[in-house]
Amino acid sequence: GWFRQAPGKERERVSCIEIDSSTHLADSVRGRFTASRDKAKKMAY
């Protein structure tokens, strides 16, 4: 997952991808952010 914490605010989960590739996005970023991962490259984006 990707997280963020702005000054003076609670930590927010921006996105998360589960082992079955189910992807979740926070309401605050839905439509603007896209989460992905590349298992072969061992990277998440």
All heavy atoms as atom14 arrays in JSON, in Angstrom:
{
  "sequence": "GWFRQAPGKERERVSCIEIDSSTHLADSVRGRFTASRDKAKKMAY",
  "atom14_mask": [
    [1, 1, 1, 1, 0, 0, 0, 0, 0, 0, 0, 0, 0, 0],
    [1, 1, 1, 1, 1, 1, 1, 1, 1, 1, 1, 1, 1, 1],
    [1, 1, 1, 1, 1, 1, 1, 1, 1, 1, 1, 0, 0, 0],
    [1, 1, 1, 1, 1, 1, 1, 1, 1, 1, 1, 0, 0, 0],
    [1, 1, 1, 1, 1, 1, 1, 1, 1, 0, 0, 0, 0, 0],
    [1, 1, 1, 1, 1, 0, 0, 0, 0, 0, 0, 0, 0, 0],
    [1, 1, 1, 1, 1, 1, 1, 0, 0, 0, 0, 0, 0, 0],
    [1, 1, 1, 1, 0, 0, 0, 0, 0, 0, 0, 0, 0, 0],
    [1, 1, 1, 1, 1, 1, 1, 1, 1, 0, 0, 0, 0, 0],
    [1, 1, 1, 1, 1, 1, 1, 1, 1, 0, 0, 0, 0, 0],
    [1, 1, 1, 1, 1, 1, 1, 1, 1, 1, 1, 0, 0, 0],
    [1, 1, 1, 1, 1, 1, 1, 1, 1, 0, 0, 0, 0, 0],
    [1, 1, 1, 1, 1, 1, 1, 1, 1, 1, 1, 0, 0, 0],
    [1, 1, 1, 1, 1, 1, 1, 0, 0, 0, 0, 0, 0, 0],
    [1, 1, 1, 1, 1, 1, 0, 0, 0, 0, 0, 0, 0, 0],
    [1, 1, 1, 1, 1, 1, 0, 0, 0, 0, 0, 0, 0, 0],
    [1, 1, 1, 1, 1, 1, 1, 1, 0, 0, 0, 0, 0, 0],
    [1, 1, 1, 1, 1, 1, 1, 1, 1, 0, 0, 0, 0, 0],
    [1, 1, 1, 1, 1, 1, 1, 1, 0, 0, 0, 0, 0, 0],
    [1, 1, 1, 1, 1, 1, 1, 1, 0, 0, 0, 0, 0, 0],
    [1, 1, 1, 1, 1, 1, 0, 0, 0, 0, 0, 0, 0, 0],
    [1, 1, 1, 1, 1, 1, 0, 0, 0, 0, 0, 0, 0, 0],
    [1, 1, 1, 1, 1, 1, 1, 0, 0, 0, 0, 0, 0, 0],
    [1, 1, 1, 1, 1, 1, 1, 1, 1, 1, 0, 0, 0, 0],
    [1, 1, 1, 1, 1, 1, 1, 1, 0, 0, 0, 0, 0, 0],
    [1, 1, 1, 1, 1, 0, 0, 0, 0, 0, 0, 0, 0, 0],
    [1, 1, 1, 1, 1, 1, 1, 1, 0, 0, 0, 0, 0, 0],
    [1, 1, 1, 1, 1, 1, 0, 0, 0, 0, 0, 0, 0, 0],
    [1, 1, 1, 1, 1, 1, 1, 0, 0, 0, 0, 0, 0, 0],
    [1, 1, 1, 1, 1, 1, 1, 1, 1, 1, 1, 0, 0, 0],
    [1, 1, 1, 1, 0, 0, 0, 0, 0, 0, 0, 0, 0, 0],
    [1, 1, 1, 1, 1, 1, 1, 1, 1, 1, 1, 0, 0, 0],
    [1, 1, 1, 1, 1, 1, 1, 1, 1, 1, 1, 0, 0, 0],
    [1, 1, 1, 1, 1, 1, 1, 0, 0, 0, 0, 0, 0, 0],
    [1, 1, 1, 1, 1, 0, 0, 0, 0, 0, 0, 0, 0, 0],
    [1, 1, 1, 1, 1, 1, 0, 0, 0, 0, 0, 0, 0, 0],
    [1, 1, 1, 1, 1, 1, 1, 1, 1, 1, 1, 0, 0, 0],
    [1, 1, 1, 1, 1, 1, 1, 1, 0, 0, 0, 0, 0, 0],
    [1, 1, 1, 1, 1, 1, 1, 1, 1, 0, 0, 0, 0, 0],
    [1, 1, 1, 1, 1, 0, 0, 0, 0, 0, 0, 0, 0, 0],
    [1, 1, 1, 1, 1, 1, 1, 1, 1, 0, 0, 0, 0, 0],
    [1, 1, 1, 1, 1, 1, 1, 1, 1, 0, 0, 0, 0, 0],
    [1, 1, 1, 1, 1, 1, 1, 1, 0, 0, 0, 0, 0, 0],
    [1, 1, 1, 1, 1, 0, 0, 0, 0, 0, 0, 0, 0, 0],
    [1, 1, 1, 1, 1, 1, 1, 1, 1, 1, 1, 1, 0, 0]
  ],
  "atom14_positions": [
    [[0.8, -1.21, 0.0], [0.0, 0.0, 0.0], [0.84, 1.26, 0.0], [2.04, 1.24, 0.28], [0.0, 0.0, 0.0], [0.0, 0.0, 0.0], [0.0, 0.0, 0.0], [0.0, 0.0, 0.0], [0.0, 0.0, 0.0], [0.0, 0.0, 0.0], [0.0, 0.0, 0.0], [0.0, 0.0, 0.0], [0.0, 0.0, 0.0], [0.0, 0.0, 0.0]],
    [[0.18, 2.34, -0.34], [0.77, 3.68, -0.26], [0.02, 4.47, 0.8], [-1.22, 4.44, 0.85], [0.68, 4.4, -1.6], [1.61, 3.86, -2.65], [1.34, 2.92, -3.59], [2.97, 4.25, -2.85], [2.44, 2.69, -4.37], [3.46, 3.49, -3.94], [3.82, 5.16, -2.23], [4.77, 3.62, -4.42], [5.12, 5.28, -2.69], [5.58, 4.52, -3.78]],
    [[0.78, 5.19, 1.62], [0.22, 5.97, 2.7], [0.75, 7.39, 2.65], [1.81, 7.64, 2.06], [0.57, 5.35, 4.06], [-0.02, 4.0, 4.29], [0.55, 2.87, 3.72], [-1.14, 3.85, 5.09], [0.01, 1.61, 3.93], [-1.69, 2.6, 5.31], [-1.11, 1.48, 4.74], [0.0, 0.0, 0.0], [0.0, 0.0, 0.0], [0.0, 0.0, 0.0]],
    [[0.04, 8.29, 3.28], [0.53, 9.65, 3.41], [0.03, 10.23, 4.73], [-0.99, 9.81, 5.27], [0.07, 10.53, 2.24], [-1.44, 10.75, 2.16], [-1.8, 11.52, 0.91], [-3.22, 11.81, 0.83], [-3.81, 12.41, -0.19], [-3.1, 12.79, -1.24], [-5.12, 12.62, -0.17], [0.0, 0.0, 0.0], [0.0, 0.0, 0.0], [0.0, 0.0, 0.0]],
    [[0.79, 11.18, 5.24], [0.4, 11.86, 6.47], [0.82, 13.32, 6.37], [2.0, 13.65, 6.49], [1.03, 11.2, 7.7], [0.54, 11.79, 9.01], [0.99, 10.99, 10.22], [1.94, 10.22, 10.14], [0.32, 11.18, 11.33], [0.0, 0.0, 0.0], [0.0, 0.0, 0.0], [0.0, 0.0, 0.0], [0.0, 0.0, 0.0], [0.0, 0.0, 0.0]],
    [[-0.15, 14.17, 6.15], [0.1, 15.6, 6.07], [0.28, 16.16, 7.47], [-0.25, 15.61, 8.45], [-1.05, 16.29, 5.35], [0.0, 0.0, 0.0], [0.0, 0.0, 0.0], [0.0, 0.0, 0.0], [0.0, 0.0, 0.0], [0.0, 0.0, 0.0], [0.0, 0.0, 0.0], [0.0, 0.0, 0.0], [0.0, 0.0, 0.0], [0.0, 0.0, 0.0]],
    [[1.0, 17.27, 7.6], [1.2, 17.88, 8.92], [-0.12, 18.17, 9.61], [-1.03, 18.75, 9.02], [1.95, 19.17, 8.6], [2.67, 18.87, 7.32], [1.73, 18.0, 6.54], [0.0, 0.0, 0.0], [0.0, 0.0, 0.0], [0.0, 0.0, 0.0], [0.0, 0.0, 0.0], [0.0, 0.0, 0.0], [0.0, 0.0, 0.0], [0.0, 0.0, 0.0]],
    [[-0.22, 17.73, 10.86], [-1.42, 17.97, 11.65], [-2.6, 17.08, 11.32], [-3.68, 17.28, 11.88], [0.0, 0.0, 0.0], [0.0, 0.0, 0.0], [0.0, 0.0, 0.0], [0.0, 0.0, 0.0], [0.0, 0.0, 0.0], [0.0, 0.0, 0.0], [0.0, 0.0, 0.0], [0.0, 0.0, 0.0], [0.0, 0.0, 0.0], [0.0, 0.0, 0.0]],
    [[-2.41, 16.12, 10.44], [-3.5, 15.24, 10.05], [-3.15, 13.78, 10.34], [-1.99, 13.43, 10.5], [-3.83, 15.4, 8.57], [-4.34, 16.79, 8.2], [-4.74, 16.85, 6.74], [-5.3, 18.22, 6.39], [-5.7, 18.28, 4.96], [0.0, 0.0, 0.0], [0.0, 0.0, 0.0], [0.0, 0.0, 0.0], [0.0, 0.0, 0.0], [0.0, 0.0, 0.0]],
    [[-4.17, 12.95, 10.39], [-3.97, 11.53, 10.61], [-3.41, 10.87, 9.36], [-3.62, 11.34, 8.24], [-5.29, 10.86, 11.0], [-5.86, 11.31, 12.33], [-4.99, 10.91, 13.49], [-4.5, 9.76, 13.49], [-4.79, 11.73, 14.39], [0.0, 0.0, 0.0], [0.0, 0.0, 0.0], [0.0, 0.0, 0.0], [0.0, 0.0, 0.0], [0.0, 0.0, 0.0]],
    [[-2.69, 9.78, 9.57], [-2.17, 9.02, 8.45], [-3.32, 8.47, 7.62], [-4.32, 7.97, 8.16], [-1.28, 7.88, 8.95], [-0.58, 7.11, 7.84], [0.37, 6.08, 8.41], [-0.34, 5.04, 9.12], [0.23, 4.15, 9.93], [1.54, 4.2, 10.13], [-0.5, 3.23, 10.54], [0.0, 0.0, 0.0], [0.0, 0.0, 0.0], [0.0, 0.0, 0.0]],
    [[-3.18, 8.53, 6.32], [-4.22, 8.11, 5.4], [-3.68, 7.03, 4.47], [-2.6, 7.18, 3.9], [-4.71, 9.3, 4.57], [-5.77, 8.94, 3.53], [-6.15, 10.12, 2.66], [-5.33, 11.06, 2.54], [-7.28, 10.12, 2.12], [0.0, 0.0, 0.0], [0.0, 0.0, 0.0], [0.0, 0.0, 0.0], [0.0, 0.0, 0.0], [0.0, 0.0, 0.0]],
    [[-4.43, 5.96, 4.32], [-4.07, 4.96, 3.33], [-4.57, 5.41, 1.97], [-5.78, 5.54, 1.76], [-4.65, 3.59, 3.69], [-4.02, 2.45, 2.88], [-4.69, 1.12, 3.15], [-5.96, 1.03, 2.45], [-6.84, 0.05, 2.63], [-6.6, -0.89, 3.53], [-7.96, 0.04, 1.93], [0.0, 0.0, 0.0], [0.0, 0.0, 0.0], [0.0, 0.0, 0.0]],
    [[-3.66, 5.62, 1.07], [-3.99, 6.12, -0.25], [-4.46, 4.98, -1.16], [-5.43, 5.12, -1.91], [-2.79, 6.85, -0.88], [-3.11, 7.3, -2.3], [-2.4, 8.04, -0.02], [0.0, 0.0, 0.0], [0.0, 0.0, 0.0], [0.0, 0.0, 0.0], [0.0, 0.0, 0.0], [0.0, 0.0, 0.0], [0.0, 0.0, 0.0], [0.0, 0.0, 0.0]],
    [[-3.75, 3.87, -1.09], [-4.05, 2.74, -1.95], [-3.53, 1.47, -1.32], [-2.68, 1.5, -0.42], [-3.44, 2.91, -3.35], [-2.03, 2.82, -3.29], [0.0, 0.0, 0.0], [0.0, 0.0, 0.0], [0.0, 0.0, 0.0], [0.0, 0.0, 0.0], [0.0, 0.0, 0.0], [0.0, 0.0, 0.0], [0.0, 0.0, 0.0], [0.0, 0.0, 0.0]],
    [[-4.03, 0.34, -1.8], [-3.52, -0.95, -1.37], [-3.86, -2.0, -2.42], [-4.96, -1.98, -2.98], [-4.1, -1.34, -0.02], [-3.28, -2.76, 0.74], [0.0, 0.0, 0.0], [0.0, 0.0, 0.0], [0.0, 0.0, 0.0], [0.0, 0.0, 0.0], [0.0, 0.0, 0.0], [0.0, 0.0, 0.0], [0.0, 0.0, 0.0], [0.0, 0.0, 0.0]],
    [[-2.91, -2.88, -2.67], [-3.1, -4.0, -3.58], [-2.87, -5.28, -2.81], [-1.81, -5.46, -2.21], [-2.15, -3.93, -4.79], [-2.33, -2.62, -5.56], [-2.39, -5.12, -5.72], [-1.35, -2.44, -6.69], [0.0, 0.0, 0.0], [0.0, 0.0, 0.0], [0.0, 0.0, 0.0], [0.0, 0.0, 0.0], [0.0, 0.0, 0.0], [0.0, 0.0, 0.0]],
    [[-3.84, -6.18, -2.84], [-3.76, -7.44, -2.13], [-3.15, -8.53, -3.0], [-2.92, -8.33, -4.2], [-5.15, -7.82, -1.61], [-5.69, -6.8, -0.62], [-7.07, -7.12, -0.12], [-7.92, -7.58, -0.92], [-7.32, -6.91, 1.09], [0.0, 0.0, 0.0], [0.0, 0.0, 0.0], [0.0, 0.0, 0.0], [0.0, 0.0, 0.0], [0.0, 0.0, 0.0]],
    [[-2.92, -9.7, -2.4], [-2.23, -10.76, -3.12], [-3.04, -11.29, -4.3], [-2.46, -11.84, -5.24], [-1.85, -11.93, -2.19], [-3.09, -12.5, -1.49], [-0.8, -11.49, -1.19], [-2.8, -13.75, -0.68], [0.0, 0.0, 0.0], [0.0, 0.0, 0.0], [0.0, 0.0, 0.0], [0.0, 0.0, 0.0], [0.0, 0.0, 0.0], [0.0, 0.0, 0.0]],
    [[-4.34, -11.12, -4.27], [-5.18, -11.53, -5.39], [-5.35, -10.41, -6.42], [-6.17, -10.51, -7.32], [-6.54, -12.02, -4.91], [-7.36, -10.94, -4.22], [-6.85, -9.81, -4.05], [-8.51, -11.22, -3.85], [0.0, 0.0, 0.0], [0.0, 0.0, 0.0], [0.0, 0.0, 0.0], [0.0, 0.0, 0.0], [0.0, 0.0, 0.0], [0.0, 0.0, 0.0]],
    [[-4.59, -9.33, -6.26], [-4.56, -8.16, -7.13], [-5.74, -7.22, -6.95], [-5.88, -6.26, -7.71], [-4.45, -8.56, -8.61], [-3.23, -9.24, -8.85], [0.0, 0.0, 0.0], [0.0, 0.0, 0.0], [0.0, 0.0, 0.0], [0.0, 0.0, 0.0], [0.0, 0.0, 0.0], [0.0, 0.0, 0.0], [0.0, 0.0, 0.0], [0.0, 0.0, 0.0]],
    [[-6.58, -7.49, -5.97], [-7.64, -6.53, -5.65], [-7.01, -5.21, -5.24], [-6.09, -5.18, -4.43], [-8.52, -7.06, -4.51], [-9.21, -8.22, -4.9], [0.0, 0.0, 0.0], [0.0, 0.0, 0.0], [0.0, 0.0, 0.0], [0.0, 0.0, 0.0], [0.0, 0.0, 0.0], [0.0, 0.0, 0.0], [0.0, 0.0, 0.0], [0.0, 0.0, 0.0]],
    [[-7.51, -4.12, -5.8], [-6.94, -2.81, -5.58], [-7.95, -1.88, -4.93], [-9.12, -1.84, -5.33], [-6.46, -2.2, -6.91], [-5.51, -3.07, -7.52], [-5.8, -0.84, -6.66], [0.0, 0.0, 0.0], [0.0, 0.0, 0.0], [0.0, 0.0, 0.0], [0.0, 0.0, 0.0], [0.0, 0.0, 0.0], [0.0, 0.0, 0.0], [0.0, 0.0, 0.0]],
    [[-7.49, -1.14, -3.94], [-8.35, -0.23, -3.2], [-7.74, 1.17, -3.23], [-6.54, 1.33, -3.07], [-8.5, -0.69, -1.75], [-8.89, -2.13, -1.62], [-10.21, -2.54, -1.63], [-8.14, -3.25, -1.5], [-10.25, -3.86, -1.51], [-9.02, -4.31, -1.44], [0.0, 0.0, 0.0], [0.0, 0.0, 0.0], [0.0, 0.0, 0.0], [0.0, 0.0, 0.0]],
    [[-8.58, 2.16, -3.41], [-8.14, 3.55, -3.42], [-8.97, 4.36, -2.44], [-10.16, 4.11, -2.26], [-8.29, 4.17, -4.81], [-7.34, 3.69, -5.91], [-7.8, 4.24, -7.26], [-5.92, 4.15, -5.61], [0.0, 0.0, 0.0], [0.0, 0.0, 0.0], [0.0, 0.0, 0.0], [0.0, 0.0, 0.0], [0.0, 0.0, 0.0], [0.0, 0.0, 0.0]],
    [[-8.33, 5.33, -1.82], [-9.04, 6.23, -0.93], [-9.98, 7.12, -1.73], [-9.7, 7.48, -2.87], [-8.05, 7.09, -0.14], [0.0, 0.0, 0.0], [0.0, 0.0, 0.0], [0.0, 0.0, 0.0], [0.0, 0.0, 0.0], [0.0, 0.0, 0.0], [0.0, 0.0, 0.0], [0.0, 0.0, 0.0], [0.0, 0.0, 0.0], [0.0, 0.0, 0.0]],
    [[-11.09, 7.49, -1.11], [-12.05, 8.37, -1.79], [-11.4, 9.69, -2.22], [-11.78, 10.25, -3.25], [-13.23, 8.66, -0.87], [-14.11, 7.45, -0.64], [-14.02, 6.48, -1.42], [-14.91, 7.48, 0.32], [0.0, 0.0, 0.0], [0.0, 0.0, 0.0], [0.0, 0.0, 0.0], [0.0, 0.0, 0.0], [0.0, 0.0, 0.0], [0.0, 0.0, 0.0]],
    [[-10.44, 10.15, -1.45], [-9.81, 11.44, -1.72], [-8.98, 11.45, -2.99], [-8.67, 12.53, -3.51], [-8.94, 11.86, -0.53], [-7.95, 10.89, -0.27], [0.0, 0.0, 0.0], [0.0, 0.0, 0.0], [0.0, 0.0, 0.0], [0.0, 0.0, 0.0], [0.0, 0.0, 0.0], [0.0, 0.0, 0.0], [0.0, 0.0, 0.0], [0.0, 0.0, 0.0]],
    [[-8.6, 10.27, -3.49], [-7.75, 10.21, -4.67], [-8.36, 9.44, -5.82], [-7.78, 9.41, -6.92], [-6.36, 9.61, -4.33], [-5.69, 10.4, -3.22], [-6.48, 8.14, -3.95], [0.0, 0.0, 0.0], [0.0, 0.0, 0.0], [0.0, 0.0, 0.0], [0.0, 0.0, 0.0], [0.0, 0.0, 0.0], [0.0, 0.0, 0.0], [0.0, 0.0, 0.0]],
    [[-9.5, 8.82, -5.59], [-10.13, 8.03, -6.65], [-10.45, 8.91, -7.86], [-10.98, 10.0, -7.72], [-11.4, 7.37, -6.12], [-12.01, 6.35, -7.09], [-13.15, 5.56, -6.45], [-12.67, 4.71, -5.37], [-12.95, 4.92, -4.08], [-13.7, 5.95, -3.72], [-12.47, 4.1, -3.16], [0.0, 0.0, 0.0], [0.0, 0.0, 0.0], [0.0, 0.0, 0.0]],
    [[-10.07, 8.41, -9.03], [-10.24, 9.18, -10.25], [-9.03, 9.99, -10.62], [-8.95, 10.47, -11.77], [0.0, 0.0, 0.0], [0.0, 0.0, 0.0], [0.0, 0.0, 0.0], [0.0, 0.0, 0.0], [0.0, 0.0, 0.0], [0.0, 0.0, 0.0], [0.0, 0.0, 0.0], [0.0, 0.0, 0.0], [0.0, 0.0, 0.0], [0.0, 0.0, 0.0]],
    [[-8.09, 10.16, -9.69], [-6.87, 10.91, -9.96], [-5.61, 10.06, -9.84], [-4.66, 10.26, -10.59], [-6.75, 12.1, -9.0], [-7.88, 13.11, -9.13], [-7.6, 14.35, -8.3], [-7.51, 14.05, -6.88], [-6.45, 14.32, -6.11], [-5.38, 14.89, -6.64], [-6.46, 14.03, -4.81], [0.0, 0.0, 0.0], [0.0, 0.0, 0.0], [0.0, 0.0, 0.0]],
    [[-5.6, 9.12, -8.9], [-4.43, 8.28, -8.66], [-4.68, 6.87, -9.15], [-5.82, 6.38, -9.12], [-4.09, 8.22, -7.16], [-3.58, 9.5, -6.56], [-3.65, 10.7, -7.23], [-3.03, 9.48, -5.28], [-3.19, 11.88, -6.66], [-2.57, 10.64, -4.7], [-2.64, 11.84, -5.38], [0.0, 0.0, 0.0], [0.0, 0.0, 0.0], [0.0, 0.0, 0.0]],
    [[-3.61, 6.2, -9.56], [-3.68, 4.81, -9.98], [-2.55, 4.03, -9.33], [-1.38, 4.41, -9.45], [-3.58, 4.68, -11.5], [-4.6, 5.45, -12.14], [-3.73, 3.21, -11.92], [0.0, 0.0, 0.0], [0.0, 0.0, 0.0], [0.0, 0.0, 0.0], [0.0, 0.0, 0.0], [0.0, 0.0, 0.0], [0.0, 0.0, 0.0], [0.0, 0.0, 0.0]],
    [[-2.89, 2.95, -8.64], [-1.89, 2.1, -8.01], [-1.66, 0.85, -8.85], [-2.61, 0.31, -9.44], [-2.33, 1.71, -6.6], [0.0, 0.0, 0.0], [0.0, 0.0, 0.0], [0.0, 0.0, 0.0], [0.0, 0.0, 0.0], [0.0, 0.0, 0.0], [0.0, 0.0, 0.0], [0.0, 0.0, 0.0], [0.0, 0.0, 0.0], [0.0, 0.0, 0.0]],
    [[-0.42, 0.39, -8.9], [-0.11, -0.8, -9.66], [1.14, -1.45, -9.08], [1.84, -0.86, -8.25], [0.09, -0.49, -11.15], [1.18, 0.39, -11.34], [0.0, 0.0, 0.0], [0.0, 0.0, 0.0], [0.0, 0.0, 0.0], [0.0, 0.0, 0.0], [0.0, 0.0, 0.0], [0.0, 0.0, 0.0], [0.0, 0.0, 0.0], [0.0, 0.0, 0.0]],
    [[1.41, -2.66, -9.51], [2.63, -3.34, -9.12], [3.12, -4.21, -10.25], [2.35, -4.65, -11.1], [2.44, -4.17, -7.84], [1.48, -5.34, -8.02], [1.39, -6.15, -6.75], [0.4, -7.22, -6.87], [0.12, -8.09, -5.93], [0.75, -8.03, -4.76], [-0.79, -9.04, -6.14], [0.0, 0.0, 0.0], [0.0, 0.0, 0.0], [0.0, 0.0, 0.0]],
    [[4.43, -4.46, -10.26], [5.06, -5.31, -11.25], [5.85, -6.35, -10.49], [6.92, -6.06, -9.95], [5.96, -4.48, -12.16], [6.5, -5.27, -13.34], [6.76, -6.48, -13.18], [6.67, -4.68, -14.42], [0.0, 0.0, 0.0], [0.0, 0.0, 0.0], [0.0, 0.0, 0.0], [0.0, 0.0, 0.0], [0.0, 0.0, 0.0], [0.0, 0.0, 0.0]],
    [[5.32, -7.55, -10.41], [5.96, -8.61, -9.63], [7.33, -8.98, -10.19], [8.26, -9.24, -9.43], [5.07, -9.84, -9.58], [3.75, -9.62, -8.85], [2.9, -10.88, -8.88], [1.57, -10.66, -8.21], [0.72, -11.88, -8.26], [0.0, 0.0, 0.0], [0.0, 0.0, 0.0], [0.0, 0.0, 0.0], [0.0, 0.0, 0.0], [0.0, 0.0, 0.0]],
    [[7.46, -9.01, -11.51], [8.71, -9.38, -12.14], [9.82, -8.38, -11.81], [10.96, -8.76, -11.59], [8.54, -9.52, -13.64], [0.0, 0.0, 0.0], [0.0, 0.0, 0.0], [0.0, 0.0, 0.0], [0.0, 0.0, 0.0], [0.0, 0.0, 0.0], [0.0, 0.0, 0.0], [0.0, 0.0, 0.0], [0.0, 0.0, 0.0], [0.0, 0.0, 0.0]],
    [[9.48, -7.1, -11.8], [10.45, -6.05, -11.51], [10.58, -5.77, -10.02], [11.43, -4.98, -9.62], [10.09, -4.77, -12.25], [10.15, -4.88, -13.77], [9.81, -3.55, -14.42], [9.9, -3.64, -15.94], [9.54, -2.35, -16.59], [0.0, 0.0, 0.0], [0.0, 0.0, 0.0], [0.0, 0.0, 0.0], [0.0, 0.0, 0.0], [0.0, 0.0, 0.0]],
    [[9.73, -6.39, -9.22], [9.7, -6.17, -7.77], [9.5, -4.7, -7.45], [10.22, -4.12, -6.62], [10.96, -6.71, -7.1], [11.09, -8.22, -7.17], [12.27, -8.7, -6.34], [12.33, -10.21, -6.28], [13.45, -10.68, -5.43], [0.0, 0.0, 0.0], [0.0, 0.0, 0.0], [0.0, 0.0, 0.0], [0.0, 0.0, 0.0], [0.0, 0.0, 0.0]],
    [[8.53, -4.11, -8.1], [8.25, -2.7, -7.9], [6.75, -2.44, -7.79], [5.94, -3.18, -8.35], [8.82, -1.86, -9.04], [10.33, -1.94, -9.16], [11.01, -0.74, -10.33], [10.78, 0.78, -9.39], [0.0, 0.0, 0.0], [0.0, 0.0, 0.0], [0.0, 0.0, 0.0], [0.0, 0.0, 0.0], [0.0, 0.0, 0.0], [0.0, 0.0, 0.0]],
    [[6.41, -1.41, -7.07], [5.05, -0.92, -6.99], [5.05, 0.55, -7.38], [6.06, 1.25, -7.21], [4.48, -1.1, -5.59], [0.0, 0.0, 0.0], [0.0, 0.0, 0.0], [0.0, 0.0, 0.0], [0.0, 0.0, 0.0], [0.0, 0.0, 0.0], [0.0, 0.0, 0.0], [0.0, 0.0, 0.0], [0.0, 0.0, 0.0], [0.0, 0.0, 0.0]],
    [[3.92, 1.02, -7.89], [3.85, 2.38, -8.41], [2.59, 3.08, -7.93], [1.57, 2.45, -7.65], [3.85, 2.38, -9.94], [5.0, 1.62, -10.56], [4.85, 0.28, -10.91], [6.22, 2.23, -10.78], [5.89, -0.43, -11.47], [7.27, 1.54, -11.35], [7.11, 0.21, -11.69], [8.14, -0.49, -12.25], [0.0, 0.0, 0.0], [0.0, 0.0, 0.0]]
  ]
}
